[in-house]
Amino acid sequence: MIQLTVRVIPRASRRGIAGVRDGALLVRLQSPPVEGAANEELLQLIAKTFRIAKGAVAIVAGEHSRLKRVSIEALDRTQFEGVLQSLDINPEDLKMSS
């Protein structure tokens, strides 16, 4: 299991992982932060990006904040870092625990 800090930008024109800001994975979401829509989109985007089931991704802290703590099950650190590197993101820039 991996836990990392994620900073979301809701109502963005394009969705996707946009890099790292202050040790947090920067994620742009098109959904508004209303009735959990942005959180749902975040879980779907992370699951799709890392090619895992949506049920393996959970928000463990910051559900009502732009800065969230996300847990990813069913993925080891090597796989996680490989996907980040394919996105031109240095895993060492992230605050995460495994």
PDB file of N, CA and C in Angstrom:
ATOM      1  N   MET A   1       0.844  -1.185   0.000  1.00  0.00           N
ATOM      2  CA  MET A   1       0.000   0.000   0.000  1.00  0.00           C
ATOM      3  C   MET A   1       0.888   1.248   0.000  1.00  0.00           C
ATOM      4  N   ILE A   2       0.454   2.220  -0.742  1.00  0.00           N
ATOM      5  CA  ILE A   2       1.163   3.495  -0.840  1.00  0.00           C
ATOM      6  C   ILE A   2       0.210   4.602  -0.425  1.00  0.00           C
ATOM      7  N   GLN A   3       0.716   5.544   0.368  1.00  0.00           N
ATOM      8  CA  GLN A   3      -0.062   6.741   0.698  1.00  0.00           C
ATOM      9  C   GLN A   3       0.715   7.951   0.206  1.00  0.00           C
ATOM     10  N   LEU A   4      -0.004   8.866  -0.432  1.00  0.00           N
ATOM     11  CA  LEU A   4       0.646  10.065  -0.925  1.00  0.00           C
ATOM     12  C   LEU A   4      -0.272  11.263  -0.762  1.00  0.00           C
ATOM     13  N   THR A   5       0.331  12.430  -0.788  1.00  0.00           N
ATOM     14  CA  THR A   5      -0.409  13.679  -0.706  1.00  0.00           C
ATOM     15  C   THR A   5      -0.757  14.117  -2.124  1.00  0.00           C
ATOM     16  N   VAL A   6      -2.013  14.528  -2.309  1.00  0.00           N
ATOM     17  CA  VAL A   6      -2.503  14.960  -3.621  1.00  0.00           C
ATOM     18  C   VAL A   6      -3.117  16.344  -3.470  1.00  0.00           C
ATOM     19  N   ARG A   7      -2.757  17.252  -4.370  1.00  0.00           N
ATOM     20  CA  ARG A   7      -3.383  18.576  -4.418  1.00  0.00           C
ATOM     21  C   ARG A   7      -4.259  18.600  -5.663  1.00  0.00           C
ATOM     22  N   VAL A   8      -5.558  18.823  -5.472  1.00  0.00           N
ATOM     23  CA  VAL A   8      -6.474  18.826  -6.614  1.00  0.00           C
ATOM     24  C   VAL A   8      -6.827  20.250  -7.033  1.00  0.00           C
ATOM     25  N   ILE A   9      -7.036  20.403  -8.324  1.00  0.00           N
ATOM     26  CA  ILE A   9      -7.518  21.657  -8.891  1.00  0.00           C
ATOM     27  C   ILE A   9      -8.840  21.325  -9.571  1.00  0.00           C
ATOM     28  N   PRO A  10      -9.962  21.601  -8.894  1.00  0.00           N
ATOM     29  CA  PRO A  10     -11.267  21.304  -9.504  1.00  0.00           C
ATOM     30  C   PRO A  10     -11.613  22.325 -10.578  1.00  0.00           C
ATOM     31  N   ARG A  11     -12.558  21.966 -11.411  1.00  0.00           N
ATOM     32  CA  ARG A  11     -13.050  22.829 -12.496  1.00  0.00           C
ATOM     33  C   ARG A  11     -11.949  23.238 -13.471  1.00  0.00           C
ATOM     34  N   ALA A  12     -10.990  22.358 -13.694  1.00  0.00           N
ATOM     35  CA  ALA A  12      -9.918  22.639 -14.662  1.00  0.00           C
ATOM     36  C   ALA A  12     -10.438  22.392 -16.073  1.00  0.00           C
ATOM     37  N   SER A  13      -9.814  23.024 -17.041  1.00  0.00           N
ATOM     38  CA  SER A  13     -10.259  22.840 -18.423  1.00  0.00           C
ATOM     39  C   SER A  13      -9.904  21.451 -18.938  1.00  0.00           C
ATOM     40  N   ARG A  14      -8.803  20.879 -18.435  1.00  0.00           N
ATOM     41  CA  ARG A  14      -8.402  19.526 -18.811  1.00  0.00           C
ATOM     42  C   ARG A  14      -8.114  18.727 -17.553  1.00  0.00           C
ATOM     43  N   ARG A  15      -8.414  17.436 -17.600  1.00  0.00           N
ATOM     44  CA  ARG A  15      -8.127  16.610 -16.440  1.00  0.00           C
ATOM     45  C   ARG A  15      -6.844  15.838 -16.662  1.00  0.00           C
ATOM     46  N   GLY A  16      -6.141  15.572 -15.570  1.00  0.00           N
ATOM     47  CA  GLY A  16      -4.923  14.785 -15.666  1.00  0.00           C
ATOM     48  C   GLY A  16      -3.947  15.118 -14.557  1.00  0.00           C
ATOM     49  N   ILE A  17      -2.902  14.340 -14.497  1.00  0.00           N
ATOM     50  CA  ILE A  17      -1.843  14.573 -13.525  1.00  0.00           C
ATOM     51  C   ILE A  17      -0.898  15.603 -14.115  1.00  0.00           C
ATOM     52  N   ALA A  18      -0.671  16.679 -13.365  1.00  0.00           N
ATOM     53  CA  ALA A  18       0.052  17.827 -13.897  1.00  0.00           C
ATOM     54  C   ALA A  18       1.424  18.037 -13.269  1.00  0.00           C
ATOM     55  N   GLY A  19       1.914  17.081 -12.493  1.00  0.00           N
ATOM     56  CA  GLY A  19       3.237  17.221 -11.904  1.00  0.00           C
ATOM     57  C   GLY A  19       3.188  17.189 -10.394  1.00  0.00           C
ATOM     58  N   VAL A  20       4.148  17.899  -9.788  1.00  0.00           N
ATOM     59  CA  VAL A  20       4.285  17.930  -8.331  1.00  0.00           C
ATOM     60  C   VAL A  20       4.356  19.378  -7.879  1.00  0.00           C
ATOM     61  N   ARG A  21       3.662  19.691  -6.785  1.00  0.00           N
ATOM     62  CA  ARG A  21       3.732  21.019  -6.185  1.00  0.00           C
ATOM     63  C   ARG A  21       3.856  20.852  -4.680  1.00  0.00           C
ATOM     64  N   ASP A  22       4.921  21.376  -4.113  1.00  0.00           N
ATOM     65  CA  ASP A  22       5.179  21.320  -2.670  1.00  0.00           C
ATOM     66  C   ASP A  22       5.074  19.906  -2.122  1.00  0.00           C
ATOM     67  N   GLY A  23       5.606  18.927  -2.841  1.00  0.00           N
ATOM     68  CA  GLY A  23       5.622  17.547  -2.382  1.00  0.00           C
ATOM     69  C   GLY A  23       4.330  16.780  -2.614  1.00  0.00           C
ATOM     70  N   ALA A  24       3.339  17.413  -3.224  1.00  0.00           N
ATOM     71  CA  ALA A  24       2.049  16.767  -3.481  1.00  0.00           C
ATOM     72  C   ALA A  24       1.867  16.546  -4.981  1.00  0.00           C
ATOM     73  N   LEU A  25       1.251  15.423  -5.331  1.00  0.00           N
ATOM     74  CA  LEU A  25       0.921  15.150  -6.720  1.00  0.00           C
ATOM     75  C   LEU A  25      -0.176  16.120  -7.133  1.00  0.00           C
ATOM     76  N   LEU A  26       0.056  16.876  -8.182  1.00  0.00           N
ATOM     77  CA  LEU A  26      -0.896  17.886  -8.648  1.00  0.00           C
ATOM     78  C   LEU A  26      -1.830  17.246  -9.677  1.00  0.00           C
ATOM     79  N   VAL A  27      -3.130  17.260  -9.380  1.00  0.00           N
ATOM     80  CA  VAL A  27      -4.115  16.614 -10.243  1.00  0.00           C
ATOM     81  C   VAL A  27      -5.188  17.625 -10.633  1.00  0.00           C
ATOM     82  N   ARG A  28      -5.387  17.782 -11.930  1.00  0.00           N
ATOM     83  CA  ARG A  28      -6.428  18.677 -12.443  1.00  0.00           C
ATOM     84  C   ARG A  28      -7.685  17.854 -12.712  1.00  0.00           C
ATOM     85  N   LEU A  29      -8.818  18.348 -12.206  1.00  0.00           N
ATOM     86  CA  LEU A  29     -10.100  17.667 -12.360  1.00  0.00           C
ATOM     87  C   LEU A  29     -11.101  18.604 -13.017  1.00  0.00           C
ATOM     88  N   GLN A  30     -11.953  18.067 -13.864  1.00  0.00           N
ATOM     89  CA  GLN A  30     -12.964  18.896 -14.515  1.00  0.00           C
ATOM     90  C   GLN A  30     -14.205  19.058 -13.645  1.00  0.00           C
ATOM     91  N   SER A  31     -14.444  18.149 -12.737  1.00  0.00           N
ATOM     92  CA  SER A  31     -15.643  18.198 -11.894  1.00  0.00           C
ATOM     93  C   SER A  31     -15.545  19.320 -10.860  1.00  0.00           C
ATOM     94  N   PRO A  32     -16.686  19.866 -10.467  1.00  0.00           N
ATOM     95  CA  PRO A  32     -16.697  20.854  -9.388  1.00  0.00           C
ATOM     96  C   PRO A  32     -16.633  20.130  -8.039  1.00  0.00           C
ATOM     97  N   PRO A  33     -16.177  20.829  -7.012  1.00  0.00           N
ATOM     98  CA  PRO A  33     -16.098  20.198  -5.689  1.00  0.00           C
ATOM     99  C   PRO A  33     -17.455  20.209  -4.983  1.00  0.00           C
ATOM    100  N   VAL A  34     -18.457  19.636  -5.622  1.00  0.00           N
ATOM    101  CA  VAL A  34     -19.816  19.636  -5.097  1.00  0.00           C
ATOM    102  C   VAL A  34     -20.309  18.203  -5.008  1.00  0.00           C
ATOM    103  N   GLU A  35     -20.869  17.848  -3.867  1.00  0.00           N
ATOM    104  CA  GLU A  35     -21.460  16.530  -3.645  1.00  0.00           C
ATOM    105  C   GLU A  35     -20.511  15.388  -3.989  1.00  0.00           C
ATOM    106  N   GLY A  36     -19.228  15.567  -3.750  1.00  0.00           N
ATOM    107  CA  GLY A  36     -18.258  14.498  -3.952  1.00  0.00           C
ATOM    108  C   GLY A  36     -17.873  14.228  -5.392  1.00  0.00           C
ATOM    109  N   ALA A  37     -18.304  15.057  -6.332  1.00  0.00           N
ATOM    110  CA  ALA A  37     -18.016  14.816  -7.749  1.00  0.00           C
ATOM    111  C   ALA A  37     -16.516  14.851  -8.028  1.00  0.00           C
ATOM    112  N   ALA A  38     -15.808  15.818  -7.474  1.00  0.00           N
ATOM    113  CA  ALA A  38     -14.366  15.919  -7.709  1.00  0.00           C
ATOM    114  C   ALA A  38     -13.633  14.741  -7.062  1.00  0.00           C
ATOM    115  N   ASN A  39     -14.054  14.334  -5.875  1.00  0.00           N
ATOM    116  CA  ASN A  39     -13.433  13.184  -5.220  1.00  0.00           C
ATOM    117  C   ASN A  39     -13.627  11.921  -6.048  1.00  0.00           C
ATOM    118  N   GLU A  40     -14.802  11.735  -6.582  1.00  0.00           N
ATOM    119  CA  GLU A  40     -15.093  10.568  -7.413  1.00  0.00           C
ATOM    120  C   GLU A  40     -14.217  10.579  -8.663  1.00  0.00           C
ATOM    121  N   GLU A  41     -14.102  11.733  -9.297  1.00  0.00           N
ATOM    122  CA  GLU A  41     -13.259  11.843 -10.489  1.00  0.00           C
ATOM    123  C   GLU A  41     -11.797  11.573 -10.142  1.00  0.00           C
ATOM    124  N   LEU A  42     -11.349  12.061  -8.984  1.00  0.00           N
ATOM    125  CA  LEU A  42      -9.980  11.825  -8.540  1.00  0.00           C
ATOM    126  C   LEU A  42      -9.703  10.331  -8.416  1.00  0.00           C
ATOM    127  N   LEU A  43     -10.596   9.602  -7.757  1.00  0.00           N
ATOM    128  CA  LEU A  43     -10.412   8.158  -7.578  1.00  0.00           C
ATOM    129  C   LEU A  43     -10.367   7.449  -8.925  1.00  0.00           C
ATOM    130  N   GLN A  44     -11.258   7.824  -9.834  1.00  0.00           N
ATOM    131  CA  GLN A  44     -11.284   7.212 -11.168  1.00  0.00           C
ATOM    132  C   GLN A  44      -9.999   7.508 -11.936  1.00  0.00           C
ATOM    133  N   LEU A  45      -9.532   8.744 -11.876  1.00  0.00           N
ATOM    134  CA  LEU A  45      -8.332   9.139 -12.609  1.00  0.00           C
ATOM    135  C   LEU A  45      -7.098   8.404 -12.085  1.00  0.00           C
ATOM    136  N   ILE A  46      -6.961   8.314 -10.778  1.00  0.00           N
ATOM    137  CA  ILE A  46      -5.803   7.611 -10.209  1.00  0.00           C
ATOM    138  C   ILE A  46      -5.857   6.129 -10.581  1.00  0.00           C
ATOM    139  N   ALA A  47      -7.029   5.520 -10.469  1.00  0.00           N
ATOM    140  CA  ALA A  47      -7.168   4.101 -10.820  1.00  0.00           C
ATOM    141  C   ALA A  47      -6.812   3.873 -12.286  1.00  0.00           C
ATOM    142  N   LYS A  48      -7.287   4.722 -13.160  1.00  0.00           N
ATOM    143  CA  LYS A  48      -7.012   4.576 -14.594  1.00  0.00           C
ATOM    144  C   LYS A  48      -5.528   4.799 -14.888  1.00  0.00           C
ATOM    145  N   THR A  49      -4.940   5.816 -14.293  1.00  0.00           N
ATOM    146  CA  THR A  49      -3.534   6.139 -14.532  1.00  0.00           C
ATOM    147  C   THR A  49      -2.614   5.006 -14.100  1.00  0.00           C
ATOM    148  N   PHE A  50      -2.898   4.420 -12.942  1.00  0.00           N
ATOM    149  CA  PHE A  50      -2.034   3.367 -12.410  1.00  0.00           C
ATOM    150  C   PHE A  50      -2.515   1.959 -12.778  1.00  0.00           C
ATOM    151  N   ARG A  51      -3.577   1.887 -13.596  1.00  0.00           N
ATOM    152  CA  ARG A  51      -4.115   0.623 -14.108  1.00  0.00           C
ATOM    153  C   ARG A  51      -4.467  -0.358 -12.988  1.00  0.00           C
ATOM    154  N   ILE A  52      -5.246   0.146 -12.037  1.00  0.00           N
ATOM    155  CA  ILE A  52      -5.721  -0.684 -10.928  1.00  0.00           C
ATOM    156  C   ILE A  52      -7.229  -0.470 -10.779  1.00  0.00           C
ATOM    157  N   ALA A  53      -7.858  -1.311  -9.985  1.00  0.00           N
ATOM    158  CA  ALA A  53      -9.295  -1.181  -9.741  1.00  0.00           C
ATOM    159  C   ALA A  53      -9.579   0.071  -8.921  1.00  0.00           C
ATOM    160  N   LYS A  54     -10.696   0.713  -9.211  1.00  0.00           N
ATOM    161  CA  LYS A  54     -11.068   1.936  -8.492  1.00  0.00           C
ATOM    162  C   LYS A  54     -11.220   1.662  -6.992  1.00  0.00           C
ATOM    163  N   GLY A  55     -11.639   0.466  -6.640  1.00  0.00           N
ATOM    164  CA  GLY A  55     -11.795   0.106  -5.232  1.00  0.00           C
ATOM    165  C   GLY A  55     -10.485   0.029  -4.471  1.00  0.00           C
ATOM    166  N   ALA A  56      -9.363   0.019  -5.179  1.00  0.00           N
ATOM    167  CA  ALA A  56      -8.050  -0.036  -4.539  1.00  0.00           C
ATOM    168  C   ALA A  56      -7.525   1.348  -4.182  1.00  0.00           C
ATOM    169  N   VAL A  57      -8.297   2.385  -4.502  1.00  0.00           N
ATOM    170  CA  VAL A  57      -7.887   3.771  -4.232  1.00  0.00           C
ATOM    171  C   VAL A  57      -8.884   4.382  -3.245  1.00  0.00           C
ATOM    172  N   ALA A  58      -8.370   5.049  -2.218  1.00  0.00           N
ATOM    173  CA  ALA A  58      -9.255   5.662  -1.225  1.00  0.00           C
ATOM    174  C   ALA A  58      -8.667   6.983  -0.734  1.00  0.00           C
ATOM    175  N   ILE A  59      -9.545   7.907  -0.414  1.00  0.00           N
ATOM    176  CA  ILE A  59      -9.136   9.164   0.217  1.00  0.00           C
ATOM    177  C   ILE A  59      -9.188   8.914   1.714  1.00  0.00           C
ATOM    178  N   VAL A  60      -8.038   9.029   2.377  1.00  0.00           N
ATOM    179  CA  VAL A  60      -7.983   8.745   3.810  1.00  0.00           C
ATOM    180  C   VAL A  60      -7.995  10.016   4.658  1.00  0.00           C
ATOM    181  N   ALA A  61      -7.734  11.156   4.041  1.00  0.00           N
ATOM    182  CA  ALA A  61      -7.780  12.431   4.763  1.00  0.00           C
ATOM    183  C   ALA A  61      -7.982  13.559   3.764  1.00  0.00           C
ATOM    184  N   GLY A  62      -8.683  14.597   4.188  1.00  0.00           N
ATOM    185  CA  GLY A  62      -8.864  15.779   3.366  1.00  0.00           C
ATOM    186  C   GLY A  62      -9.990  15.680   2.359  1.00  0.00           C
ATOM    187  N   GLU A  63     -11.000  14.924   2.671  1.00  0.00           N
ATOM    188  CA  GLU A  63     -12.105  14.724   1.734  1.00  0.00           C
ATOM    189  C   GLU A  63     -12.751  16.035   1.292  1.00  0.00           C
ATOM    190  N   HIS A  64     -12.755  17.047   2.160  1.00  0.00           N
ATOM    191  CA  HIS A  64     -13.373  18.339   1.831  1.00  0.00           C
ATOM    192  C   HIS A  64     -12.331  19.427   1.601  1.00  0.00           C
ATOM    193  N   SER A  65     -11.117  19.032   1.279  1.00  0.00           N
ATOM    194  CA  SER A  65     -10.018  19.968   1.099  1.00  0.00           C
ATOM    195  C   SER A  65      -9.376  19.744  -0.271  1.00  0.00           C
ATOM    196  N   ARG A  66      -8.656  20.729  -0.741  1.00  0.00           N
ATOM    197  CA  ARG A  66      -7.912  20.539  -1.999  1.00  0.00           C
ATOM    198  C   ARG A  66      -6.677  19.681  -1.774  1.00  0.00           C
ATOM    199  N   LEU A  67      -6.172  19.657  -0.554  1.00  0.00           N
ATOM    200  CA  LEU A  67      -5.013  18.848  -0.205  1.00  0.00           C
ATOM    201  C   LEU A  67      -5.515  17.572   0.463  1.00  0.00           C
ATOM    202  N   LYS A  68      -5.260  16.434  -0.164  1.00  0.00           N
ATOM    203  CA  LYS A  68      -5.808  15.161   0.292  1.00  0.00           C
ATOM    204  C   LYS A  68      -4.701  14.151   0.522  1.00  0.00           C
ATOM    205  N   ARG A  69      -4.981  13.176   1.347  1.00  0.00           N
ATOM    206  CA  ARG A  69      -4.096  12.030   1.551  1.00  0.00           C
ATOM    207  C   ARG A  69      -4.794  10.851   0.902  1.00  0.00           C
ATOM    208  N   VAL A  70      -4.145  10.217  -0.079  1.00  0.00           N
ATOM    209  CA  VAL A  70      -4.745   9.137  -0.844  1.00  0.00           C
ATOM    210  C   VAL A  70      -3.964   7.853  -0.603  1.00  0.00           C
ATOM    211  N   SER A  71      -4.703   6.777  -0.418  1.00  0.00           N
ATOM    212  CA  SER A  71      -4.124   5.454  -0.231  1.00  0.00           C
ATOM    213  C   SER A  71      -4.358   4.635  -1.494  1.00  0.00           C
ATOM    214  N   ILE A  72      -3.304   3.956  -1.962  1.00  0.00           N
ATOM    215  CA  ILE A  72      -3.407   3.103  -3.147  1.00  0.00           C
ATOM    216  C   ILE A  72      -2.990   1.693  -2.750  1.00  0.00           C
ATOM    217  N   GLU A  73      -3.939   0.776  -2.805  1.00  0.00           N
ATOM    218  CA  GLU A  73      -3.681  -0.640  -2.511  1.00  0.00           C
ATOM    219  C   GLU A  73      -3.313  -1.341  -3.810  1.00  0.00           C
ATOM    220  N   ALA A  74      -2.895  -2.572  -3.719  1.00  0.00           N
ATOM    221  CA  ALA A  74      -2.653  -3.436  -4.885  1.00  0.00           C
ATOM    222  C   ALA A  74      -1.610  -2.874  -5.838  1.00  0.00           C
ATOM    223  N   LEU A  75      -0.689  -2.112  -5.318  1.00  0.00           N
ATOM    224  CA  LEU A  75       0.351  -1.515  -6.154  1.00  0.00           C
ATOM    225  C   LEU A  75       1.605  -1.394  -5.296  1.00  0.00           C
ATOM    226  N   ASP A  76       2.703  -1.962  -5.764  1.00  0.00           N
ATOM    227  CA  ASP A  76       3.919  -1.809  -4.973  1.00  0.00           C
ATOM    228  C   ASP A  76       4.673  -0.547  -5.405  1.00  0.00           C
ATOM    229  N   ARG A  77       5.647  -0.186  -4.627  1.00  0.00           N
ATOM    230  CA  ARG A  77       6.362   1.077  -4.841  1.00  0.00           C
ATOM    231  C   ARG A  77       7.067   1.109  -6.201  1.00  0.00           C
ATOM    232  N   THR A  78       7.603  -0.017  -6.642  1.00  0.00           N
ATOM    233  CA  THR A  78       8.306  -0.065  -7.925  1.00  0.00           C
ATOM    234  C   THR A  78       7.357   0.224  -9.082  1.00  0.00           C
ATOM    235  N   GLN A  79       6.176  -0.390  -9.061  1.00  0.00           N
ATOM    236  CA  GLN A  79       5.177  -0.146 -10.103  1.00  0.00           C
ATOM    237  C   GLN A  79       4.735   1.318 -10.085  1.00  0.00           C
ATOM    238  N   PHE A  80       4.479   1.822  -8.881  1.00  0.00           N
ATOM    239  CA  PHE A  80       4.043   3.203  -8.704  1.00  0.00           C
ATOM    240  C   PHE A  80       5.070   4.178  -9.288  1.00  0.00           C
ATOM    241  N   GLU A  81       6.332   3.972  -8.928  1.00  0.00           N
ATOM    242  CA  GLU A  81       7.390   4.859  -9.414  1.00  0.00           C
ATOM    243  C   GLU A  81       7.568   4.740 -10.923  1.00  0.00           C
ATOM    244  N   GLY A  82       7.368   3.546 -11.473  1.00  0.00           N
ATOM    245  CA  GLY A  82       7.471   3.360 -12.912  1.00  0.00           C
ATOM    246  C   GLY A  82       6.433   4.179 -13.669  1.00  0.00           C
ATOM    247  N   VAL A  83       5.204   4.189 -13.168  1.00  0.00           N
ATOM    248  CA  VAL A  83       4.150   4.971 -13.815  1.00  0.00           C
ATOM    249  C   VAL A  83       4.467   6.463 -13.700  1.00  0.00           C
ATOM    250  N   LEU A  84       4.915   6.896 -12.527  1.00  0.00           N
ATOM    251  CA  LEU A  84       5.266   8.311 -12.357  1.00  0.00           C
ATOM    252  C   LEU A  84       6.371   8.725 -13.323  1.00  0.00           C
ATOM    253  N   GLN A  85       7.380   7.892 -13.470  1.00  0.00           N
ATOM    254  CA  GLN A  85       8.479   8.216 -14.374  1.00  0.00           C
ATOM    255  C   GLN A  85       7.999   8.284 -15.822  1.00  0.00           C
ATOM    256  N   SER A  86       7.022   7.444 -16.189  1.00  0.00           N
ATOM    257  CA  SER A  86       6.480   7.505 -17.544  1.00  0.00           C
ATOM    258  C   SER A  86       5.728   8.822 -17.778  1.00  0.00           C
ATOM    259  N   LEU A  87       5.305   9.470 -16.690  1.00  0.00           N
ATOM    260  CA  LEU A  87       4.633  10.768 -16.765  1.00  0.00           C
ATOM    261  C   LEU A  87       5.618  11.932 -16.575  1.00  0.00           C
ATOM    262  N   ASP A  88       6.912  11.629 -16.576  1.00  0.00           N
ATOM    263  CA  ASP A  88       7.978  12.620 -16.351  1.00  0.00           C
ATOM    264  C   ASP A  88       7.879  13.274 -14.977  1.00  0.00           C
ATOM    265  N   ILE A  89       7.527  12.474 -13.978  1.00  0.00           N
ATOM    266  CA  ILE A  89       7.463  12.947 -12.594  1.00  0.00           C
ATOM    267  C   ILE A  89       8.508  12.189 -11.794  1.00  0.00           C
ATOM    268  N   ASN A  90       9.330  12.904 -11.059  1.00  0.00           N
ATOM    269  CA  ASN A  90      10.344  12.289 -10.214  1.00  0.00           C
ATOM    270  C   ASN A  90       9.692  11.845  -8.907  1.00  0.00           C
ATOM    271  N   PRO A  91       9.643  10.536  -8.628  1.00  0.00           N
ATOM    272  CA  PRO A  91       9.005  10.052  -7.398  1.00  0.00           C
ATOM    273  C   PRO A  91       9.629  10.621  -6.123  1.00  0.00           C
ATOM    274  N   GLU A  92      10.887  11.003  -6.188  1.00  0.00           N
ATOM    275  CA  GLU A  92      11.557  11.544  -5.008  1.00  0.00           C
ATOM    276  C   GLU A  92      11.013  12.920  -4.612  1.00  0.00           C
ATOM    277  N   ASP A  93      10.306  13.580  -5.524  1.00  0.00           N
ATOM    278  CA  ASP A  93       9.732  14.895  -5.227  1.00  0.00           C
ATOM    279  C   ASP A  93       8.444  14.788  -4.410  1.00  0.00           C
ATOM    280  N   LEU A  94       7.873  13.585  -4.308  1.00  0.00           N
ATOM    281  CA  LEU A  94       6.602  13.398  -3.614  1.00  0.00           C
ATOM    282  C   LEU A  94       6.789  13.033  -2.159  1.00  0.00           C
ATOM    283  N   LYS A  95       5.849  13.497  -1.333  1.00  0.00           N
ATOM    284  CA  LYS A  95       5.775  13.075   0.065  1.00  0.00           C
ATOM    285  C   LYS A  95       4.861  11.860   0.081  1.00  0.00           C
ATOM    286  N   MET A  96       5.445  10.683   0.315  1.00  0.00           N
ATOM    287  CA  MET A  96       4.618   9.480   0.329  1.00  0.00           C
ATOM    288  C   MET A  96       5.209   8.474   1.298  1.00  0.00           C
ATOM    289  N   SER A  97       4.379   7.509   1.640  1.00  0.00           N
ATOM    290  CA  SER A  97       4.820   6.411   2.510  1.00  0.00           C
ATOM    291  C   SER A  97       4.292   5.121   1.935  1.00  0.00           C
ATOM    292  N   SER A  98       4.984   4.047   2.228  1.00  0.00           N
ATOM    293  CA  SER A  98       4.527   2.746   1.728  1.00  0.00           C
ATOM    294  C   SER A  98       4.378   1.766   2.860  1.00  0.00           C
TER     295      SER A  98
END
